[in-house]
PDB file of N, CA and C in Angstrom:
ATOM      1  N   UNK A   1     106.426 109.885 127.029  1.00  0.00           N
ATOM      2  CA  UNK A   1     107.669 109.963 126.289  1.00  0.00           C
ATOM      3  C   UNK A   1     107.552 111.101 125.272  1.00  0.00           C
ATOM      4  N   UNK A   2     108.523 111.949 125.246  1.00  0.00           N
ATOM      5  CA  UNK A   2     108.532 113.056 124.293  1.00  0.00           C
ATOM      6  C   UNK A   2     109.026 112.576 122.941  1.00  0.00           C
ATOM      7  N   UNK A   3     108.446 113.126 121.915  1.00  0.00           N
ATOM      8  CA  UNK A   3     108.862 112.773 120.551  1.00  0.00           C
ATOM      9  C   UNK A   3     109.586 113.966 119.956  1.00  0.00           C
ATOM     10  N   UNK A   4     110.656 113.696 119.256  1.00  0.00           N
ATOM     11  CA  UNK A   4     111.378 114.781 118.611  1.00  0.00           C
ATOM     12  C   UNK A   4     110.684 115.147 117.308  1.00  0.00           C
ATOM     13  N   UNK A   5     110.837 116.392 116.861  1.00  0.00           N
ATOM     14  CA  UNK A   5     110.234 116.785 115.593  1.00  0.00           C
ATOM     15  C   UNK A   5     110.896 116.060 114.421  1.00  0.00           C
ATOM     16  N   UNK A   6     110.143 115.920 113.370  1.00  0.00           N
ATOM     17  CA  UNK A   6     110.652 115.269 112.168  1.00  0.00           C
ATOM     18  C   UNK A   6     111.769 116.130 111.579  1.00  0.00           C
ATOM     19  N   UNK A   7     112.915 115.539 111.356  1.00  0.00           N
ATOM     20  CA  UNK A   7     114.040 116.273 110.806  1.00  0.00           C
ATOM     21  C   UNK A   7     114.545 115.648 109.519  1.00  0.00           C
ATOM     22  N   UNK A   8     115.503 116.317 108.918  1.00  0.00           N
ATOM     23  CA  UNK A   8     116.024 115.855 107.628  1.00  0.00           C
ATOM     24  C   UNK A   8     116.685 114.480 107.745  1.00  0.00           C
ATOM     25  N   UNK A   9     117.342 114.202 108.875  1.00  0.00           N
ATOM     26  CA  UNK A   9     117.982 112.888 109.030  1.00  0.00           C
ATOM     27  C   UNK A   9     116.946 111.777 109.133  1.00  0.00           C
ATOM     28  N   UNK A  10     115.814 112.058 109.783  1.00  0.00           N
ATOM     29  CA  UNK A  10     114.732 111.071 109.850  1.00  0.00           C
ATOM     30  C   UNK A  10     114.229 110.751 108.448  1.00  0.00           C
ATOM     31  N   UNK A  11     114.018 111.790 107.661  1.00  0.00           N
ATOM     32  CA  UNK A  11     113.507 111.591 106.305  1.00  0.00           C
ATOM     33  C   UNK A  11     114.505 110.850 105.428  1.00  0.00           C
ATOM     34  N   UNK A  12     115.777 111.214 105.529  1.00  0.00           N
ATOM     35  CA  UNK A  12     116.797 110.530 104.733  1.00  0.00           C
ATOM     36  C   UNK A  12     116.896 109.065 105.124  1.00  0.00           C
ATOM     37  N   UNK A  13     116.767 108.773 106.411  1.00  0.00           N
ATOM     38  CA  UNK A  13     116.792 107.383 106.865  1.00  0.00           C
ATOM     39  C   UNK A  13     115.582 106.617 106.353  1.00  0.00           C
ATOM     40  N   UNK A  14     114.422 107.262 106.362  1.00  0.00           N
ATOM     41  CA  UNK A  14     113.209 106.615 105.858  1.00  0.00           C
ATOM     42  C   UNK A  14     113.330 106.322 104.367  1.00  0.00           C
ATOM     43  N   UNK A  15     113.883 107.260 103.611  1.00  0.00           N
ATOM     44  CA  UNK A  15     114.081 107.065 102.175  1.00  0.00           C
ATOM     45  C   UNK A  15     115.051 105.903 101.936  1.00  0.00           C
ATOM     46  N   UNK A  16     116.144 105.897 102.673  1.00  0.00           N
ATOM     47  CA  UNK A  16     117.130 104.821 102.525  1.00  0.00           C
ATOM     48  C   UNK A  16     116.506 103.465 102.855  1.00  0.00           C
ATOM     49  N   UNK A  17     115.689 103.413 103.904  1.00  0.00           N
ATOM     50  CA  UNK A  17     115.092 102.129 104.276  1.00  0.00           C
ATOM     51  C   UNK A  17     114.107 101.646 103.214  1.00  0.00           C
ATOM     52  N   UNK A  18     113.415 102.570 102.553  1.00  0.00           N
ATOM     53  CA  UNK A  18     112.500 102.173 101.478  1.00  0.00           C
ATOM     54  C   UNK A  18     113.255 101.632 100.262  1.00  0.00           C
ATOM     55  N   UNK A  19     114.494 102.075 100.095  1.00  0.00           N
ATOM     56  CA  UNK A  19     115.312 101.579  98.985  1.00  0.00           C
ATOM     57  C   UNK A  19     115.845 100.179  99.245  1.00  0.00           C
ATOM     58  N   UNK A  20     116.127  99.839 100.496  1.00  0.00           N
ATOM     59  CA  UNK A  20     116.763  98.550 100.792  1.00  0.00           C
ATOM     60  C   UNK A  20     115.794  97.455 101.218  1.00  0.00           C
ATOM     61  N   UNK A  21     114.559  97.778 101.563  1.00  0.00           N
ATOM     62  CA  UNK A  21     113.609  96.770 102.034  1.00  0.00           C
ATOM     63  C   UNK A  21     113.203  95.760 100.970  1.00  0.00           C
ATOM     64  N   UNK A  22     112.826  96.185  99.770  1.00  0.00           N
ATOM     65  CA  UNK A  22     112.316  95.201  98.801  1.00  0.00           C
ATOM     66  C   UNK A  22     113.417  94.312  98.232  1.00  0.00           C
ATOM     67  N   UNK A  23     113.029  93.091  97.886  1.00  0.00           N
ATOM     68  CA  UNK A  23     113.974  92.157  97.267  1.00  0.00           C
ATOM     69  C   UNK A  23     114.193  92.495  95.796  1.00  0.00           C
ATOM     70  N   UNK A  24     113.191  93.081  95.144  1.00  0.00           N
ATOM     71  CA  UNK A  24     113.257  93.443  93.727  1.00  0.00           C
ATOM     72  C   UNK A  24     112.993  94.939  93.578  1.00  0.00           C
ATOM     73  N   UNK A  25     113.604  95.546  92.596  1.00  0.00           N
ATOM     74  CA  UNK A  25     113.389  96.976  92.343  1.00  0.00           C
ATOM     75  C   UNK A  25     111.913  97.268  92.088  1.00  0.00           C
ATOM     76  N   UNK A  26     111.242  96.363  91.415  1.00  0.00           N
ATOM     77  CA  UNK A  26     109.826  96.562  91.088  1.00  0.00           C
ATOM     78  C   UNK A  26     108.951  96.644  92.341  1.00  0.00           C
ATOM     79  N   UNK A  27     109.428  96.125  93.457  1.00  0.00           N
ATOM     80  CA  UNK A  27     108.661  96.149  94.702  1.00  0.00           C
ATOM     81  C   UNK A  27     108.889  97.419  95.520  1.00  0.00           C
ATOM     82  N   UNK A  28     109.775  98.286  95.067  1.00  0.00           N
ATOM     83  CA  UNK A  28     110.088  99.523  95.783  1.00  0.00           C
ATOM     84  C   UNK A  28     108.874 100.442  95.799  1.00  0.00           C
ATOM     85  N   UNK A  29     108.615 101.055  96.928  1.00  0.00           N
ATOM     86  CA  UNK A  29     107.479 101.967  97.083  1.00  0.00           C
ATOM     87  C   UNK A  29     107.897 103.374  96.615  1.00  0.00           C
ATOM     88  N   UNK A  30     107.927 103.548  95.288  1.00  0.00           N
ATOM     89  CA  UNK A  30     108.392 104.813  94.705  1.00  0.00           C
ATOM     90  C   UNK A  30     107.479 105.973  95.061  1.00  0.00           C
ATOM     91  N   UNK A  31     106.189 105.713  95.220  1.00  0.00           N
ATOM     92  CA  UNK A  31     105.259 106.777  95.583  1.00  0.00           C
ATOM     93  C   UNK A  31     105.605 107.345  96.957  1.00  0.00           C
ATOM     94  N   UNK A  32     105.915 106.478  97.884  1.00  0.00           N
ATOM     95  CA  UNK A  32     106.299 106.912  99.230  1.00  0.00           C
ATOM     96  C   UNK A  32     107.638 107.646  99.192  1.00  0.00           C
ATOM     97  N   UNK A  33     108.571 107.168  98.392  1.00  0.00           N
ATOM     98  CA  UNK A  33     109.867 107.839  98.267  1.00  0.00           C
ATOM     99  C   UNK A  33     109.696 109.242  97.704  1.00  0.00           C
ATOM    100  N   UNK A  34     108.858 109.396  96.671  1.00  0.00           N
ATOM    101  CA  UNK A  34     108.581 110.738  96.118  1.00  0.00           C
ATOM    102  C   UNK A  34     107.997 111.654  97.186  1.00  0.00           C
ATOM    103  N   UNK A  35     107.061 111.125  97.958  1.00  0.00           N
ATOM    104  CA  UNK A  35     106.441 111.914  99.018  1.00  0.00           C
ATOM    105  C   UNK A  35     107.490 112.370 100.042  1.00  0.00           C
ATOM    106  N   UNK A  36     108.345 111.452 100.469  1.00  0.00           N
ATOM    107  CA  UNK A  36     109.364 111.798 101.463  1.00  0.00           C
ATOM    108  C   UNK A  36     110.352 112.830 100.923  1.00  0.00           C
ATOM    109  N   UNK A  37     110.720 112.727  99.646  1.00  0.00           N
ATOM    110  CA  UNK A  37     111.593 113.750  99.056  1.00  0.00           C
ATOM    111  C   UNK A  37     110.901 115.110  99.022  1.00  0.00           C
ATOM    112  N   UNK A  38     109.610 115.103  98.747  1.00  0.00           N
ATOM    113  CA  UNK A  38     108.858 116.363  98.722  1.00  0.00           C
ATOM    114  C   UNK A  38     108.874 117.010 100.113  1.00  0.00           C
ATOM    115  N   UNK A  39     108.640 116.211 101.148  1.00  0.00           N
ATOM    116  CA  UNK A  39     108.679 116.723 102.521  1.00  0.00           C
ATOM    117  C   UNK A  39     110.088 117.200 102.864  1.00  0.00           C
ATOM    118  N   UNK A  40     111.099 116.415 102.491  1.00  0.00           N
ATOM    119  CA  UNK A  40     112.486 116.788 102.768  1.00  0.00           C
ATOM    120  C   UNK A  40     112.832 118.130 102.124  1.00  0.00           C
ATOM    121  N   UNK A  41     112.393 118.341 100.900  1.00  0.00           N
ATOM    122  CA  UNK A  41     112.679 119.602 100.214  1.00  0.00           C
ATOM    123  C   UNK A  41     111.983 120.780 100.879  1.00  0.00           C
ATOM    124  N   UNK A  42     110.881 120.521 101.563  1.00  0.00           N
ATOM    125  CA  UNK A  42     110.181 121.604 102.262  1.00  0.00           C
ATOM    126  C   UNK A  42     110.834 121.954 103.587  1.00  0.00           C
ATOM    127  N   UNK A  43     111.216 120.935 104.360  1.00  0.00           N
ATOM    128  CA  UNK A  43     111.736 121.243 105.698  1.00  0.00           C
ATOM    129  C   UNK A  43     113.237 121.503 105.722  1.00  0.00           C
ATOM    130  N   UNK A  44     113.962 120.980 104.752  1.00  0.00           N
ATOM    131  CA  UNK A  44     115.412 121.176 104.707  1.00  0.00           C
ATOM    132  C   UNK A  44     115.862 121.258 103.254  1.00  0.00           C
ATOM    133  N   UNK A  45     115.493 122.343 102.568  1.00  0.00           N
ATOM    134  CA  UNK A  45     115.845 122.437 101.150  1.00  0.00           C
ATOM    135  C   UNK A  45     117.358 122.390 100.934  1.00  0.00           C
ATOM    136  N   UNK A  46     117.744 121.588  99.971  1.00  0.00           N
ATOM    137  CA  UNK A  46     119.147 121.543  99.574  1.00  0.00           C
ATOM    138  C   UNK A  46     119.209 121.034  98.138  1.00  0.00           C
ATOM    139  N   UNK A  47     120.272 121.345  97.422  1.00  0.00           N
ATOM    140  CA  UNK A  47     120.348 120.986  96.000  1.00  0.00           C
ATOM    141  C   UNK A  47     120.242 119.491  95.730  1.00  0.00           C
ATOM    142  N   UNK A  48     120.832 118.651  96.567  1.00  0.00           N
ATOM    143  CA  UNK A  48     120.793 117.202  96.310  1.00  0.00           C
ATOM    144  C   UNK A  48     119.390 116.642  96.478  1.00  0.00           C
ATOM    145  N   UNK A  49     118.679 117.064  97.506  1.00  0.00           N
ATOM    146  CA  UNK A  49     117.308 116.583  97.703  1.00  0.00           C
ATOM    147  C   UNK A  49     116.416 117.033  96.554  1.00  0.00           C
ATOM    148  N   UNK A  50     116.607 118.267  96.113  1.00  0.00           N
ATOM    149  CA  UNK A  50     115.820 118.778  94.991  1.00  0.00           C
ATOM    150  C   UNK A  50     116.117 117.993  93.724  1.00  0.00           C
ATOM    151  N   UNK A  51     117.389 117.722  93.470  1.00  0.00           N
ATOM    152  CA  UNK A  51     117.772 116.950  92.295  1.00  0.00           C
ATOM    153  C   UNK A  51     117.193 115.542  92.351  1.00  0.00           C
ATOM    154  N   UNK A  52     117.315 114.870  93.481  1.00  0.00           N
ATOM    155  CA  UNK A  52     116.797 113.505  93.614  1.00  0.00           C
ATOM    156  C   UNK A  52     115.277 113.483  93.466  1.00  0.00           C
ATOM    157  N   UNK A  53     114.606 114.494  94.009  1.00  0.00           N
ATOM    158  CA  UNK A  53     113.149 114.575  93.850  1.00  0.00           C
ATOM    159  C   UNK A  53     112.789 114.727  92.373  1.00  0.00           C
ATOM    160  N   UNK A  54     113.505 115.594  91.680  1.00  0.00           N
ATOM    161  CA  UNK A  54     113.241 115.803  90.256  1.00  0.00           C
ATOM    162  C   UNK A  54     113.497 114.519  89.461  1.00  0.00           C
ATOM    163  N   UNK A  55     114.633 113.862  89.717  1.00  0.00           N
ATOM    164  CA  UNK A  55     114.973 112.641  88.987  1.00  0.00           C
ATOM    165  C   UNK A  55     113.971 111.525  89.255  1.00  0.00           C
ATOM    166  N   UNK A  56     113.495 111.417  90.502  1.00  0.00           N
ATOM    167  CA  UNK A  56     112.513 110.386  90.831  1.00  0.00           C
ATOM    168  C   UNK A  56     111.211 110.643  90.079  1.00  0.00           C
ATOM    169  N   UNK A  57     110.766 111.891  90.039  1.00  0.00           N
ATOM    170  CA  UNK A  57     109.540 112.226  89.321  1.00  0.00           C
ATOM    171  C   UNK A  57     109.711 111.995  87.823  1.00  0.00           C
ATOM    172  N   UNK A  58     110.870 112.324  87.291  1.00  0.00           N
ATOM    173  CA  UNK A  58     111.152 112.152  85.866  1.00  0.00           C
ATOM    174  C   UNK A  58     111.216 110.668  85.493  1.00  0.00           C
ATOM    175  N   UNK A  59     111.799 109.859  86.351  1.00  0.00           N
ATOM    176  CA  UNK A  59     111.934 108.429  86.075  1.00  0.00           C
ATOM    177  C   UNK A  59     110.570 107.753  85.970  1.00  0.00           C
ATOM    178  N   UNK A  60     109.587 108.270  86.678  1.00  0.00           N
ATOM    179  CA  UNK A  60     108.246 107.685  86.613  1.00  0.00           C
ATOM    180  C   UNK A  60     107.606 107.877  85.247  1.00  0.00           C
ATOM    181  N   UNK A  61     108.089 108.832  84.477  1.00  0.00           N
ATOM    182  CA  UNK A  61     107.513 109.105  83.165  1.00  0.00           C
ATOM    183  C   UNK A  61     108.251 108.410  82.028  1.00  0.00           C
ATOM    184  N   UNK A  62     109.354 107.748  82.327  1.00  0.00           N
ATOM    185  CA  UNK A  62     110.144 107.063  81.303  1.00  0.00           C
ATOM    186  C   UNK A  62     109.572 105.682  81.036  1.00  0.00           C
ATOM    187  N   UNK A  63     109.713 105.181  79.806  1.00  0.00           N
ATOM    188  CA  UNK A  63     109.236 103.827  79.527  1.00  0.00           C
ATOM    189  C   UNK A  63     110.085 102.792  80.263  1.00  0.00           C
ATOM    190  N   UNK A  64     109.476 101.649  80.511  1.00  0.00           N
ATOM    191  CA  UNK A  64     110.200 100.557  81.150  1.00  0.00           C
ATOM    192  C   UNK A  64     111.291 100.026  80.211  1.00  0.00           C
ATOM    193  N   UNK A  65     112.485  99.720  80.753  1.00  0.00           N
ATOM    194  CA  UNK A  65     113.525  99.150  79.886  1.00  0.00           C
ATOM    195  C   UNK A  65     113.142  97.742  79.430  1.00  0.00           C
ATOM    196  N   UNK A  66     113.639  97.355  78.288  1.00  0.00           N
ATOM    197  CA  UNK A  66     113.369  96.016  77.749  1.00  0.00           C
ATOM    198  C   UNK A  66     114.131  94.977  78.582  1.00  0.00           C
ATOM    199  N   UNK A  67     113.557  93.787  78.754  1.00  0.00           N
ATOM    200  CA  UNK A  67     114.269  92.732  79.478  1.00  0.00           C
ATOM    201  C   UNK A  67     115.559  92.363  78.747  1.00  0.00           C
ATOM    202  N   UNK A  68     116.601  92.028  79.502  1.00  0.00           N
ATOM    203  CA  UNK A  68     117.892  91.706  78.899  1.00  0.00           C
ATOM    204  C   UNK A  68     118.073  90.207  78.688  1.00  0.00           C
ATOM    205  N   UNK A  69     117.196  89.379  79.205  1.00  0.00           N
ATOM    206  CA  UNK A  69     117.375  87.925  79.050  1.00  0.00           C
ATOM    207  C   UNK A  69     116.631  87.384  77.864  1.00  0.00           C
TER     208      UNK A  69
END
């Protein structure tokens, strides 16, 4: 069986699936999402992917919000 090369739609689908799989935000695999955005920016550079990659990296450096309950 032939495999198609990795494309931008594959990466976007993988990123989306990582966002919806966990039951809680804290369970999200942010490291994998950052990696996929980095790959996406290399193979299919576009302003939105670059912005999302930057925001994801920046969010990792922000303090955790205080609990609201």
